[in-house]
Amino acid sequence: SAARYGVAIENRLATTLSPIRGNEVELAQVVVNLVQNAIQACTAGGHVTIETGEADEEIRLTVRDDGCGMSPEQIRHVFDPFYTTRLTRGGTGLGLSVVHGIIADHQGTINVASEEGRGTTFNVVFRRQAAEETANNAASGR
């Protein structure tokens, strides 16, 4: 998808991350939606950076683009169901609403920083699973 839009993807992924409790399919949907939106916000020659990391009790995912950015009004509505700036290009306005719901269901948080003409950054944070939770999940087959 990125090549079709002429957008470069840069991965800055941590080599290891502590586990989090969650639904793998839903969490993959979060990543796909955020990256897809970032790619579509860019023009040919644009860049998207995907970064993961861990600090204290938090696992972080950051998706940053140097695309068109959003106005303060757009930022206020970005997670609202059916809100889209891409109606004429097939946007449904459900992607970020679904992303927000999945993250909330996983006791995580998401925030957005954006400036028109300069790009957008989405930061997702999940709580690291405690060592005893990991051991209990392994013992119970989860």
Protein backbone atom coordinates (compact mmCIF):
# COMPACT_ATOMS: atom_id res chain seq x y z
CA SER A 1 0.00 0.00 0.00
CA ALA A 2 2.81 2.46 0.87
CA ALA A 3 4.59 1.85 -2.45
CA ARG A 4 1.38 2.53 -4.35
CA TYR A 5 1.20 5.97 -2.71
CA GLY A 6 4.96 6.60 -3.07
CA VAL A 7 5.36 6.78 0.71
CA ALA A 8 8.42 5.49 2.58
CA ILE A 9 7.93 3.53 5.81
CA GLU A 10 10.54 3.69 8.55
CA ASN A 11 10.36 1.12 11.32
CA ARG A 12 11.90 1.92 14.68
CA LEU A 13 10.76 -1.17 16.49
CA ALA A 14 12.07 -2.28 19.86
CA THR A 15 13.81 -5.65 19.64
CA THR A 16 11.86 -6.91 22.64
CA LEU A 17 8.77 -5.69 24.45
CA SER A 18 7.09 -6.96 27.58
CA PRO A 19 3.77 -8.70 26.96
CA ILE A 20 0.40 -7.01 27.16
CA ARG A 21 -2.92 -8.75 27.57
CA GLY A 22 -5.11 -8.45 24.52
CA ASN A 23 -6.76 -9.80 21.41
CA GLU A 24 -4.09 -10.24 18.75
CA VAL A 25 -6.47 -9.70 15.82
CA GLU A 26 -7.91 -6.50 17.30
CA LEU A 27 -4.49 -5.12 18.19
CA ALA A 28 -3.26 -5.85 14.65
CA GLN A 29 -6.29 -3.92 13.36
CA VAL A 30 -5.17 -0.91 15.42
CA VAL A 31 -1.73 -0.96 13.80
CA VAL A 32 -3.10 -1.50 10.28
CA ASN A 33 -5.65 1.32 10.59
CA LEU A 34 -3.15 3.81 12.02
CA VAL A 35 -0.51 3.02 9.40
CA GLN A 36 -3.04 3.02 6.55
CA ASN A 37 -4.37 6.43 7.61
CA ALA A 38 -0.83 7.79 7.88
CA ILE A 39 0.04 6.57 4.39
CA GLN A 40 -3.13 8.08 2.93
CA ALA A 41 -2.41 11.44 4.60
CA CYS A 42 0.91 11.69 2.77
CA THR A 43 1.66 12.78 -0.75
CA ALA A 44 4.15 10.98 -2.97
CA GLY A 45 7.58 11.23 -1.35
CA GLY A 46 6.09 11.33 2.15
CA HIS A 47 7.31 9.41 5.17
CA VAL A 48 5.60 7.33 7.86
CA THR A 49 7.46 6.26 10.98
CA ILE A 50 6.30 3.36 13.14
CA GLU A 51 7.95 3.19 16.53
CA THR A 52 7.57 0.90 19.53
CA GLY A 53 9.13 1.17 22.93
CA GLU A 54 8.80 0.51 26.62
CA ALA A 55 9.28 2.72 29.64
CA ASP A 56 8.32 2.10 33.25
CA GLU A 57 5.04 0.16 33.13
CA GLU A 58 4.07 1.24 29.61
CA ILE A 59 4.31 -0.25 26.15
CA ARG A 60 4.15 2.47 23.47
CA LEU A 61 3.27 2.50 19.78
CA THR A 62 3.77 5.70 17.81
CA VAL A 63 2.70 6.21 14.21
CA ARG A 64 3.91 9.50 12.74
CA ASP A 65 3.48 10.93 9.24
CA ASP A 66 4.61 14.09 7.47
CA GLY A 67 1.33 14.36 5.59
CA CYS A 68 -1.38 17.00 5.38
CA GLY A 69 -2.04 17.19 9.12
CA MET A 70 -5.33 18.18 10.74
CA SER A 71 -6.95 21.37 11.93
CA PRO A 72 -7.91 21.76 15.61
CA GLU A 73 -11.56 21.14 14.58
CA GLN A 74 -10.62 17.89 12.83
CA ILE A 75 -8.58 16.77 15.85
CA ARG A 76 -11.61 17.32 18.12
CA HIS A 77 -13.67 14.89 16.02
CA VAL A 78 -11.04 12.42 14.86
CA PHE A 79 -12.35 9.54 17.02
CA ASP A 80 -16.06 10.26 16.42
CA PRO A 81 -17.92 7.53 14.52
CA PHE A 82 -18.61 8.41 10.87
CA TYR A 83 -16.36 11.49 10.94
CA THR A 84 -14.15 11.53 7.87
CA THR A 85 -12.23 13.98 5.74
CA ARG A 86 -11.98 11.39 2.95
CA LEU A 87 -15.66 10.88 2.06
CA THR A 88 -15.00 11.43 -1.64
CA ARG A 89 -12.09 8.98 -1.54
CA GLY A 90 -13.93 6.10 0.12
CA GLY A 91 -13.44 6.96 3.80
CA THR A 92 -16.17 5.68 6.12
CA GLY A 93 -15.19 7.54 9.27
CA LEU A 94 -15.14 4.30 11.23
CA GLY A 95 -11.44 3.39 11.28
CA LEU A 96 -10.27 5.67 14.07
CA SER A 97 -13.48 5.21 16.03
CA VAL A 98 -12.90 1.44 15.96
CA VAL A 99 -9.23 1.96 16.88
CA HIS A 100 -10.24 4.10 19.86
CA GLY A 101 -12.73 1.44 21.02
CA ILE A 102 -10.21 -1.40 20.74
CA ILE A 103 -7.60 0.54 22.68
CA ALA A 104 -10.12 1.45 25.39
CA ASP A 105 -11.21 -2.21 25.62
CA HIS A 106 -7.56 -3.09 26.25
CA GLN A 107 -7.25 -0.44 29.00
CA GLY A 108 -4.96 1.61 26.80
CA THR A 109 -4.92 5.23 25.75
CA ILE A 110 -4.48 6.98 22.42
CA ASN A 111 -3.77 10.61 21.73
CA VAL A 112 -3.13 12.64 18.63
CA ALA A 113 -0.95 15.62 17.88
CA SER A 114 -1.21 17.29 14.51
CA GLU A 115 -0.51 20.48 12.66
CA GLU A 116 -1.95 21.35 9.28
CA GLY A 117 0.64 20.93 6.56
CA ARG A 118 3.16 19.32 8.92
CA GLY A 119 1.81 15.88 9.73
CA THR A 120 0.20 13.87 12.49
CA THR A 121 1.39 11.67 15.34
CA PHE A 122 -0.73 9.05 17.09
CA ASN A 123 0.59 7.73 20.41
CA VAL A 124 -0.87 4.53 21.85
CA VAL A 125 0.01 3.37 25.36
CA PHE A 126 -0.78 0.04 27.02
CA ARG A 127 0.03 -1.14 30.52
CA ARG A 128 2.79 -3.72 30.67
CA GLN A 129 1.57 -7.08 31.91
CA ALA A 130 3.03 -7.89 35.33
CA ALA A 131 5.36 -10.90 35.59
CA GLU A 132 2.89 -12.81 37.79
CA GLU A 133 0.12 -12.27 35.19
CA THR A 134 2.39 -13.67 32.49
CA ALA A 135 3.16 -16.75 34.62
CA ASN A 136 -0.54 -17.26 35.45
CA ASN A 137 -1.53 -16.97 31.78
CA ALA A 138 1.15 -19.48 30.76
CA ALA A 139 0.02 -21.92 33.46
CA SER A 140 -3.63 -21.64 32.38
CA GLY A 141 -2.84 -21.88 28.67
CA ARG A 142 -3.89 -18.30 27.78
